[in-house]
Each structure stands twice: as structure tokens, then as C-alpha cells.
Amino acid sequence: MCISRLTCLAFLAGVIMVASASDTKIIKCCTKVSVQSITAPITGYRIQRKNLPCVRAVIFETAEGEVCSHWKEDWVFEKIKELEQIRRAKMVSPATTTTSTMRTTTA
């Protein structure tokens, strides 16, 4: 069937490499978390659910980059409450609106 064993092995190695390359996924998530509070200004956050290799975490967005924090830490909970209050205040504050009038003319 195969011309030589070396050719068969080379073909098999190529098939395995192609198959494994198509299954490779780049995962960008928190695989570890920190319990230390963040000193950089926090601009936002998002919650990451556990989906191995990713762990359950709160990802804070800072001026210096993203920080993976442990979701059970008291300071994390307090910071989320603070950020949500700021977000709600922005939504409730009256937006400046301009009104326009429409004129109709009859001839």
C-alpha cells in the first residue's frame, strides 16, 4: 500500500499536524486571580464565568491594563457597587436635548 515506511510515516505525521493545528484555540481569559486590591484607577469591569481553563473572576479594566481579581474578596464587591452607582448616576442625569420646531407654510 505505501511505497515505503518512511513515506507512510511522513504522511501520517503531516495529517496529525494539520488535525491538531485546526483544533488549536487561543484563549484569552483569567486562569489565575489576585486577592490584592488594585491601586490603579479602575475604569470598568466585567465578570468571567468558570469555563476551564478560565476561572471565575472579576476582570477590572484599569489605565494600566486588565486585572483578574477573586470574586469573593470584599473589596471587589465594594468596587463593583461603586462602579454600578457611577454608571446609574450617568444614566439618570438629564441629558441636554435640543428641540426643533417645524414650520409649515401654506400658499
N, C-alpha and C. Protein backbone atom coordinates (compact mmCIF):
# COMPACT_ATOMS: atom_id res chain seq x y z
N MET A 1 0.82 -1.18 0.00
CA MET A 1 0.00 0.00 0.00
C MET A 1 0.87 1.25 0.00
N CYS A 2 1.73 1.41 0.97
CA CYS A 2 2.65 2.55 0.98
C CYS A 2 3.94 2.14 0.28
N ILE A 3 4.54 3.10 -0.40
CA ILE A 3 5.78 2.81 -1.13
C ILE A 3 6.88 2.44 -0.15
N SER A 4 6.98 3.17 0.88
CA SER A 4 7.96 2.81 1.90
C SER A 4 7.42 3.24 3.26
N ARG A 5 7.98 2.66 4.27
CA ARG A 5 7.54 3.00 5.62
C ARG A 5 7.81 4.48 5.92
N LEU A 6 8.91 4.99 5.46
CA LEU A 6 9.27 6.39 5.71
C LEU A 6 8.24 7.33 5.10
N THR A 7 7.79 7.02 3.89
CA THR A 7 6.78 7.84 3.23
C THR A 7 5.46 7.78 4.01
N CYS A 8 5.09 6.61 4.45
CA CYS A 8 3.86 6.46 5.23
C CYS A 8 3.94 7.23 6.53
N LEU A 9 5.06 7.15 7.21
CA LEU A 9 5.23 7.88 8.47
C LEU A 9 5.19 9.39 8.25
N ALA A 10 5.82 9.86 7.18
CA ALA A 10 5.80 11.29 6.88
C ALA A 10 4.38 11.76 6.58
N PHE A 11 3.64 10.97 5.82
CA PHE A 11 2.26 11.32 5.50
C PHE A 11 1.41 11.35 6.77
N LEU A 12 1.54 10.36 7.62
CA LEU A 12 0.78 10.27 8.86
C LEU A 12 1.12 11.45 9.78
N ALA A 13 2.37 11.80 9.88
CA ALA A 13 2.79 12.94 10.71
C ALA A 13 2.18 14.22 10.19
N GLY A 14 2.12 14.40 8.89
CA GLY A 14 1.50 15.59 8.30
C GLY A 14 0.03 15.68 8.59
N VAL A 15 -0.68 14.57 8.51
CA VAL A 15 -2.11 14.54 8.80
C VAL A 15 -2.35 14.89 10.27
N ILE A 16 -1.56 14.33 11.15
CA ILE A 16 -1.73 14.61 12.59
C ILE A 16 -1.46 16.09 12.88
N MET A 17 -0.45 16.67 12.25
CA MET A 17 -0.14 18.08 12.49
C MET A 17 -1.27 18.97 12.01
N VAL A 18 -1.83 18.70 10.86
CA VAL A 18 -2.93 19.50 10.33
C VAL A 18 -4.16 19.36 11.22
N ALA A 19 -4.46 18.17 11.65
CA ALA A 19 -5.62 17.94 12.50
C ALA A 19 -5.47 18.64 13.84
N SER A 20 -4.29 18.59 14.44
CA SER A 20 -4.10 19.23 15.74
C SER A 20 -4.04 20.74 15.60
N ALA A 21 -3.56 21.27 14.49
CA ALA A 21 -3.50 22.71 14.29
C ALA A 21 -4.90 23.30 14.15
N SER A 22 -5.82 22.56 13.56
CA SER A 22 -7.17 23.08 13.39
C SER A 22 -7.93 23.11 14.72
N ASP A 23 -7.53 22.30 15.69
CA ASP A 23 -8.18 22.28 17.00
C ASP A 23 -7.57 23.28 17.97
N THR A 24 -6.48 23.92 17.61
CA THR A 24 -5.81 24.86 18.50
C THR A 24 -6.63 26.13 18.63
N LYS A 25 -6.92 26.52 19.87
CA LYS A 25 -7.67 27.74 20.12
C LYS A 25 -6.83 28.65 21.00
N ILE A 26 -6.87 29.91 20.69
CA ILE A 26 -6.18 30.89 21.52
C ILE A 26 -7.18 31.35 22.56
N ILE A 27 -6.83 31.17 23.82
CA ILE A 27 -7.74 31.51 24.90
C ILE A 27 -7.18 32.73 25.63
N LYS A 28 -8.00 33.78 25.68
CA LYS A 28 -7.60 34.97 26.41
C LYS A 28 -8.58 35.15 27.55
N CYS A 29 -8.19 34.65 28.70
CA CYS A 29 -9.05 34.73 29.87
C CYS A 29 -8.18 34.63 31.11
N CYS A 30 -8.81 34.83 32.25
CA CYS A 30 -8.10 34.70 33.51
C CYS A 30 -8.00 33.23 33.89
N THR A 31 -6.78 32.77 34.08
CA THR A 31 -6.58 31.42 34.56
C THR A 31 -6.11 31.43 36.01
N LYS A 32 -5.81 32.62 36.52
CA LYS A 32 -5.43 32.84 37.92
C LYS A 32 -6.05 34.16 38.35
N VAL A 33 -6.26 34.31 39.65
CA VAL A 33 -6.82 35.56 40.17
C VAL A 33 -5.96 36.08 41.30
N SER A 34 -6.08 37.38 41.52
CA SER A 34 -5.35 38.04 42.60
C SER A 34 -6.34 38.40 43.71
N VAL A 35 -5.85 38.42 44.95
CA VAL A 35 -6.67 38.85 46.07
C VAL A 35 -6.28 40.24 46.55
N GLN A 36 -5.23 40.79 45.96
CA GLN A 36 -4.75 42.12 46.36
C GLN A 36 -5.61 43.20 45.71
N SER A 37 -5.82 44.28 46.46
CA SER A 37 -6.60 45.38 45.92
C SER A 37 -5.79 46.11 44.84
N ILE A 38 -6.50 46.80 43.98
CA ILE A 38 -5.89 47.46 42.83
C ILE A 38 -5.65 48.93 43.17
N THR A 39 -4.46 49.42 42.86
CA THR A 39 -4.14 50.82 43.16
C THR A 39 -4.35 51.72 41.94
N ALA A 40 -4.31 51.17 40.76
CA ALA A 40 -4.51 51.96 39.54
C ALA A 40 -5.98 52.35 39.42
N PRO A 41 -6.27 53.48 38.78
CA PRO A 41 -7.67 53.86 38.60
C PRO A 41 -8.43 52.81 37.77
N ILE A 42 -9.60 52.41 38.29
CA ILE A 42 -10.42 51.40 37.62
C ILE A 42 -11.47 52.11 36.77
N THR A 43 -11.51 51.74 35.50
CA THR A 43 -12.45 52.39 34.57
C THR A 43 -13.66 51.52 34.27
N GLY A 44 -13.60 50.25 34.56
CA GLY A 44 -14.72 49.37 34.28
C GLY A 44 -14.41 47.96 34.75
N TYR A 45 -15.36 47.09 34.53
CA TYR A 45 -15.17 45.69 34.91
C TYR A 45 -16.07 44.80 34.08
N ARG A 46 -15.76 43.52 34.12
CA ARG A 46 -16.65 42.51 33.56
C ARG A 46 -16.46 41.23 34.38
N ILE A 47 -17.45 40.38 34.32
CA ILE A 47 -17.41 39.15 35.10
C ILE A 47 -17.14 37.98 34.16
N GLN A 48 -16.20 37.15 34.56
CA GLN A 48 -15.85 35.98 33.77
C GLN A 48 -16.34 34.74 34.51
N ARG A 49 -17.05 33.90 33.81
CA ARG A 49 -17.52 32.64 34.40
C ARG A 49 -16.46 31.55 34.25
N LYS A 50 -16.57 30.55 35.09
CA LYS A 50 -15.64 29.43 35.03
C LYS A 50 -15.94 28.59 33.81
N ASN A 51 -14.96 28.42 32.96
CA ASN A 51 -15.03 27.57 31.78
C ASN A 51 -13.59 27.17 31.48
N LEU A 52 -13.16 26.07 32.08
CA LEU A 52 -11.75 25.68 32.05
C LEU A 52 -11.13 25.83 30.67
N PRO A 53 -9.94 26.39 30.60
CA PRO A 53 -9.02 26.71 31.68
C PRO A 53 -9.30 28.05 32.37
N CYS A 54 -10.34 28.74 31.96
CA CYS A 54 -10.67 30.03 32.57
C CYS A 54 -11.32 29.79 33.94
N VAL A 55 -10.99 30.66 34.89
CA VAL A 55 -11.55 30.56 36.23
C VAL A 55 -12.57 31.66 36.45
N ARG A 56 -13.41 31.50 37.46
CA ARG A 56 -14.37 32.53 37.81
C ARG A 56 -13.60 33.73 38.34
N ALA A 57 -13.90 34.92 37.78
CA ALA A 57 -13.13 36.10 38.16
C ALA A 57 -13.90 37.37 37.82
N VAL A 58 -13.48 38.45 38.46
CA VAL A 58 -13.91 39.78 38.07
C VAL A 58 -12.70 40.42 37.40
N ILE A 59 -12.88 40.85 36.16
CA ILE A 59 -11.78 41.45 35.41
C ILE A 59 -11.98 42.96 35.44
N PHE A 60 -11.10 43.64 36.17
CA PHE A 60 -11.17 45.09 36.25
C PHE A 60 -10.34 45.69 35.12
N GLU A 61 -10.90 46.70 34.47
CA GLU A 61 -10.19 47.43 33.43
C GLU A 61 -9.59 48.67 34.07
N THR A 62 -8.27 48.80 33.94
CA THR A 62 -7.57 49.95 34.52
C THR A 62 -6.79 50.65 33.42
N ALA A 63 -6.22 51.80 33.78
CA ALA A 63 -5.39 52.53 32.83
C ALA A 63 -4.14 51.73 32.48
N GLU A 64 -3.75 50.82 33.34
CA GLU A 64 -2.55 50.02 33.12
C GLU A 64 -2.83 48.67 32.48
N GLY A 65 -4.10 48.35 32.25
CA GLY A 65 -4.46 47.07 31.65
C GLY A 65 -5.51 46.36 32.49
N GLU A 66 -5.74 45.10 32.17
CA GLU A 66 -6.76 44.33 32.86
C GLU A 66 -6.16 43.55 34.03
N VAL A 67 -6.95 43.45 35.11
CA VAL A 67 -6.51 42.74 36.30
C VAL A 67 -7.57 41.71 36.68
N CYS A 68 -7.15 40.48 36.84
CA CYS A 68 -8.04 39.40 37.23
C CYS A 68 -8.10 39.33 38.75
N SER A 69 -9.29 39.54 39.31
CA SER A 69 -9.44 39.57 40.76
C SER A 69 -10.40 38.48 41.22
N HIS A 70 -10.17 38.04 42.46
CA HIS A 70 -11.02 37.00 43.03
C HIS A 70 -12.38 37.57 43.35
N TRP A 71 -13.42 36.91 42.91
CA TRP A 71 -14.78 37.42 43.02
C TRP A 71 -15.31 37.42 44.45
N LYS A 72 -14.71 36.68 45.36
CA LYS A 72 -15.20 36.62 46.73
C LYS A 72 -14.58 37.67 47.66
N GLU A 73 -13.63 38.41 47.18
CA GLU A 73 -12.99 39.43 48.03
C GLU A 73 -13.96 40.57 48.33
N ASP A 74 -13.96 41.04 49.59
CA ASP A 74 -14.86 42.13 49.98
C ASP A 74 -14.61 43.40 49.17
N TRP A 75 -13.34 43.73 48.94
CA TRP A 75 -13.05 44.96 48.22
C TRP A 75 -13.54 44.89 46.77
N VAL A 76 -13.57 43.69 46.20
CA VAL A 76 -14.07 43.52 44.82
C VAL A 76 -15.57 43.83 44.79
N PHE A 77 -16.30 43.29 45.75
CA PHE A 77 -17.74 43.53 45.83
C PHE A 77 -18.02 45.03 46.02
N GLU A 78 -17.27 45.67 46.89
CA GLU A 78 -17.46 47.10 47.14
C GLU A 78 -17.15 47.94 45.90
N LYS A 79 -16.11 47.57 45.18
CA LYS A 79 -15.72 48.31 43.98
C LYS A 79 -16.79 48.16 42.90
N ILE A 80 -17.36 46.97 42.75
CA ILE A 80 -18.43 46.76 41.77
C ILE A 80 -19.63 47.63 42.13
N LYS A 81 -20.00 47.67 43.42
CA LYS A 81 -21.12 48.52 43.85
C LYS A 81 -20.85 49.98 43.51
N GLU A 82 -19.63 50.43 43.76
CA GLU A 82 -19.25 51.81 43.46
C GLU A 82 -19.35 52.10 41.95
N LEU A 83 -18.83 51.20 41.14
CA LEU A 83 -18.87 51.40 39.69
C LEU A 83 -20.30 51.38 39.16
N GLU A 84 -21.15 50.53 39.74
CA GLU A 84 -22.55 50.48 39.32
C GLU A 84 -23.29 51.76 39.71
N GLN A 85 -22.98 52.32 40.88
CA GLN A 85 -23.60 53.58 41.30
C GLN A 85 -23.21 54.70 40.34
N ILE A 86 -21.96 54.73 39.94
CA ILE A 86 -21.49 55.74 38.98
C ILE A 86 -22.20 55.57 37.65
N ARG A 87 -22.33 54.33 37.21
CA ARG A 87 -23.00 54.05 35.92
C ARG A 87 -24.46 54.48 35.97
N ARG A 88 -25.14 54.15 37.07
CA ARG A 88 -26.55 54.54 37.20
C ARG A 88 -26.71 56.05 37.25
N ALA A 89 -25.80 56.73 37.93
CA ALA A 89 -25.87 58.19 38.02
C ALA A 89 -25.73 58.82 36.65
N LYS A 90 -24.89 58.25 35.82
CA LYS A 90 -24.72 58.78 34.47
C LYS A 90 -25.97 58.57 33.64
N MET A 91 -26.66 57.45 33.85
CA MET A 91 -27.87 57.16 33.09
C MET A 91 -29.02 58.05 33.51
N VAL A 92 -29.09 58.41 34.79
CA VAL A 92 -30.21 59.19 35.32
C VAL A 92 -30.02 60.67 35.07
N SER A 93 -28.78 61.14 35.01
CA SER A 93 -28.55 62.57 34.86
C SER A 93 -29.20 63.07 33.58
N PRO A 94 -29.84 64.25 33.67
CA PRO A 94 -30.56 64.76 32.50
C PRO A 94 -29.59 65.08 31.36
N ALA A 95 -29.93 64.58 30.22
CA ALA A 95 -29.12 64.84 29.03
C ALA A 95 -29.59 66.15 28.42
N THR A 96 -28.67 66.87 27.87
CA THR A 96 -29.05 68.11 27.21
C THR A 96 -29.65 67.77 25.86
N THR A 97 -30.85 68.25 25.67
CA THR A 97 -31.52 67.97 24.41
C THR A 97 -31.86 69.27 23.73
N THR A 98 -31.90 69.22 22.46
CA THR A 98 -32.28 70.40 21.70
C THR A 98 -33.62 70.13 21.07
N THR A 99 -34.44 71.13 21.08
CA THR A 99 -35.75 70.97 20.46
C THR A 99 -35.76 71.78 19.19
N SER A 100 -36.43 71.27 18.24
CA SER A 100 -36.55 71.99 16.97
C SER A 100 -38.01 72.16 16.66
N THR A 101 -38.31 73.21 15.98
CA THR A 101 -39.68 73.45 15.58
C THR A 101 -39.79 73.29 14.09
N MET A 102 -40.92 72.79 13.69
CA MET A 102 -41.13 72.60 12.28
C MET A 102 -42.13 73.66 11.81
N ARG A 103 -41.78 74.35 10.77
CA ARG A 103 -42.66 75.39 10.23
C ARG A 103 -43.29 74.88 8.96
N THR A 104 -44.55 75.17 8.85
CA THR A 104 -45.24 74.82 7.61
C THR A 104 -45.78 76.10 7.02
N THR A 105 -45.72 76.17 5.76
CA THR A 105 -46.26 77.35 5.07
C THR A 105 -47.35 76.90 4.12
N THR A 106 -48.31 77.72 3.99
CA THR A 106 -49.38 77.41 3.05
C THR A 106 -49.38 78.49 1.98
N ALA A 107 -49.61 78.12 0.82
CA ALA A 107 -49.58 79.09 -0.26
C ALA A 107 -50.95 79.40 -0.80
